[in-house]
Amino acid sequence: MCLNKSAFLGFGPTDSKTTIAGIEIIEISNGLIVKQWGEWDVGEHQFNAKSNL
């Protein structure tokens, strides 16, 4: 949970609380990142931003 203090994903700043949930999977080989995959659910952030317009 954080405050939307600047424009993000086309919304804001709203100065209201918002949530962005997600997951990052990172493969490390010999101390280096060799693959990265991430998926983020910005739906709640967009809903919170729209409801504060």
N, C-alpha and C. Protein backbone atom coordinates (compact mmCIF):
# COMPACT_ATOMS: atom_id res chain seq x y z
N MET A 1 0.86 -1.17 0.00
CA MET A 1 0.00 0.00 0.00
C MET A 1 0.90 1.23 0.00
N CYS A 2 0.57 2.18 -0.85
CA CYS A 2 1.34 3.42 -0.90
C CYS A 2 0.41 4.56 -1.32
N LEU A 3 0.91 5.77 -1.27
CA LEU A 3 0.15 6.93 -1.71
C LEU A 3 0.50 7.25 -3.15
N ASN A 4 -0.49 7.53 -3.96
CA ASN A 4 -0.29 7.90 -5.36
C ASN A 4 0.08 9.38 -5.38
N LYS A 5 1.40 9.66 -5.39
CA LYS A 5 1.90 11.03 -5.30
C LYS A 5 2.30 11.61 -6.65
N SER A 6 2.31 10.80 -7.70
CA SER A 6 2.66 11.29 -9.03
C SER A 6 1.89 10.49 -10.08
N ALA A 7 1.90 10.97 -11.29
CA ALA A 7 1.19 10.28 -12.37
C ALA A 7 1.79 8.89 -12.58
N PHE A 8 0.94 7.87 -12.70
CA PHE A 8 1.38 6.51 -12.92
C PHE A 8 0.29 5.78 -13.68
N LEU A 9 0.64 5.16 -14.78
CA LEU A 9 -0.29 4.42 -15.62
C LEU A 9 -1.47 5.29 -16.07
N GLY A 10 -1.18 6.55 -16.31
CA GLY A 10 -2.21 7.45 -16.82
C GLY A 10 -3.13 8.06 -15.77
N PHE A 11 -2.85 7.83 -14.50
CA PHE A 11 -3.68 8.37 -13.42
C PHE A 11 -2.81 9.11 -12.43
N GLY A 12 -3.41 10.08 -11.78
CA GLY A 12 -2.75 10.71 -10.66
C GLY A 12 -2.10 12.04 -11.03
N PRO A 13 -1.51 12.64 -10.01
CA PRO A 13 -1.51 12.15 -8.64
C PRO A 13 -2.87 12.32 -7.97
N THR A 14 -3.22 11.37 -7.13
CA THR A 14 -4.50 11.44 -6.42
C THR A 14 -4.31 11.66 -4.92
N ASP A 15 -3.09 11.47 -4.42
CA ASP A 15 -2.79 11.57 -2.98
C ASP A 15 -3.64 10.61 -2.14
N SER A 16 -4.11 9.52 -2.76
CA SER A 16 -4.87 8.52 -2.02
C SER A 16 -4.12 7.20 -2.04
N LYS A 17 -4.48 6.31 -1.13
CA LYS A 17 -3.83 5.01 -1.04
C LYS A 17 -4.17 4.16 -2.26
N THR A 18 -3.18 3.40 -2.71
CA THR A 18 -3.39 2.51 -3.83
C THR A 18 -2.57 1.24 -3.64
N THR A 19 -2.96 0.18 -4.33
CA THR A 19 -2.27 -1.10 -4.23
C THR A 19 -1.99 -1.63 -5.62
N ILE A 20 -0.78 -2.11 -5.80
CA ILE A 20 -0.43 -2.83 -7.02
C ILE A 20 0.21 -4.14 -6.57
N ALA A 21 -0.45 -5.25 -6.88
CA ALA A 21 0.04 -6.57 -6.48
C ALA A 21 0.69 -7.25 -7.66
N GLY A 22 1.71 -8.04 -7.38
CA GLY A 22 2.36 -8.73 -8.49
C GLY A 22 3.38 -9.75 -8.02
N ILE A 23 4.03 -10.34 -9.00
CA ILE A 23 5.05 -11.34 -8.73
C ILE A 23 6.19 -11.15 -9.72
N GLU A 24 7.41 -11.36 -9.26
CA GLU A 24 8.59 -11.35 -10.11
C GLU A 24 9.32 -12.68 -9.91
N ILE A 25 9.64 -13.33 -10.99
CA ILE A 25 10.42 -14.57 -10.94
C ILE A 25 11.72 -14.27 -11.68
N ILE A 26 12.82 -14.49 -11.01
CA ILE A 26 14.13 -14.16 -11.56
C ILE A 26 15.02 -15.40 -11.50
N GLU A 27 15.62 -15.75 -12.63
CA GLU A 27 16.57 -16.86 -12.67
C GLU A 27 17.98 -16.28 -12.63
N ILE A 28 18.77 -16.79 -11.69
CA ILE A 28 20.14 -16.32 -11.51
C ILE A 28 21.08 -17.47 -11.81
N SER A 29 22.10 -17.20 -12.63
CA SER A 29 23.12 -18.19 -12.96
C SER A 29 24.49 -17.53 -12.82
N ASN A 30 25.35 -18.16 -12.05
CA ASN A 30 26.70 -17.61 -11.82
C ASN A 30 26.66 -16.17 -11.31
N GLY A 31 25.69 -15.87 -10.45
CA GLY A 31 25.59 -14.55 -9.85
C GLY A 31 24.99 -13.48 -10.74
N LEU A 32 24.52 -13.86 -11.94
CA LEU A 32 23.93 -12.90 -12.86
C LEU A 32 22.47 -13.25 -13.15
N ILE A 33 21.66 -12.23 -13.34
CA ILE A 33 20.27 -12.46 -13.75
C ILE A 33 20.28 -12.86 -15.22
N VAL A 34 19.74 -14.04 -15.51
CA VAL A 34 19.71 -14.51 -16.90
C VAL A 34 18.30 -14.52 -17.48
N LYS A 35 17.30 -14.57 -16.61
CA LYS A 35 15.91 -14.51 -17.06
C LYS A 35 15.09 -13.79 -15.99
N GLN A 36 14.08 -13.06 -16.46
CA GLN A 36 13.18 -12.38 -15.53
C GLN A 36 11.78 -12.41 -16.13
N TRP A 37 10.80 -12.67 -15.29
CA TRP A 37 9.42 -12.65 -15.70
C TRP A 37 8.63 -11.99 -14.59
N GLY A 38 7.72 -11.12 -14.95
CA GLY A 38 6.89 -10.47 -13.95
C GLY A 38 5.48 -10.27 -14.44
N GLU A 39 4.57 -10.28 -13.51
CA GLU A 39 3.14 -10.06 -13.83
C GLU A 39 2.57 -9.19 -12.71
N TRP A 40 1.98 -8.08 -13.08
CA TRP A 40 1.46 -7.13 -12.11
C TRP A 40 -0.01 -6.86 -12.38
N ASP A 41 -0.80 -6.82 -11.32
CA ASP A 41 -2.24 -6.53 -11.42
C ASP A 41 -2.45 -5.07 -11.04
N VAL A 42 -2.64 -4.23 -12.03
CA VAL A 42 -2.81 -2.81 -11.78
C VAL A 42 -4.29 -2.42 -11.70
N GLY A 43 -5.17 -3.40 -11.77
CA GLY A 43 -6.60 -3.12 -11.75
C GLY A 43 -7.06 -2.33 -10.55
N GLU A 44 -6.60 -2.68 -9.37
CA GLU A 44 -7.03 -1.96 -8.17
C GLU A 44 -6.48 -0.54 -8.18
N HIS A 45 -5.25 -0.36 -8.67
CA HIS A 45 -4.68 0.99 -8.78
C HIS A 45 -5.56 1.85 -9.70
N GLN A 46 -5.95 1.29 -10.85
CA GLN A 46 -6.78 2.04 -11.79
C GLN A 46 -8.15 2.34 -11.20
N PHE A 47 -8.74 1.37 -10.49
CA PHE A 47 -10.04 1.57 -9.85
C PHE A 47 -9.96 2.68 -8.80
N ASN A 48 -8.92 2.61 -7.94
CA ASN A 48 -8.76 3.63 -6.89
C ASN A 48 -8.55 5.01 -7.50
N ALA A 49 -7.77 5.09 -8.57
CA ALA A 49 -7.50 6.38 -9.19
C ALA A 49 -8.77 6.95 -9.81
N LYS A 50 -9.55 6.13 -10.50
CA LYS A 50 -10.78 6.61 -11.13
C LYS A 50 -11.81 7.04 -10.10
N SER A 51 -11.87 6.33 -8.99
CA SER A 51 -12.88 6.66 -7.98
C SER A 51 -12.53 7.95 -7.24
N ASN A 52 -11.29 8.42 -7.38
CA ASN A 52 -10.87 9.67 -6.71
C ASN A 52 -10.82 10.85 -7.66
N LEU A 53 -11.28 10.68 -8.91
CA LEU A 53 -11.25 11.80 -9.86
C LEU A 53 -12.37 12.77 -9.58
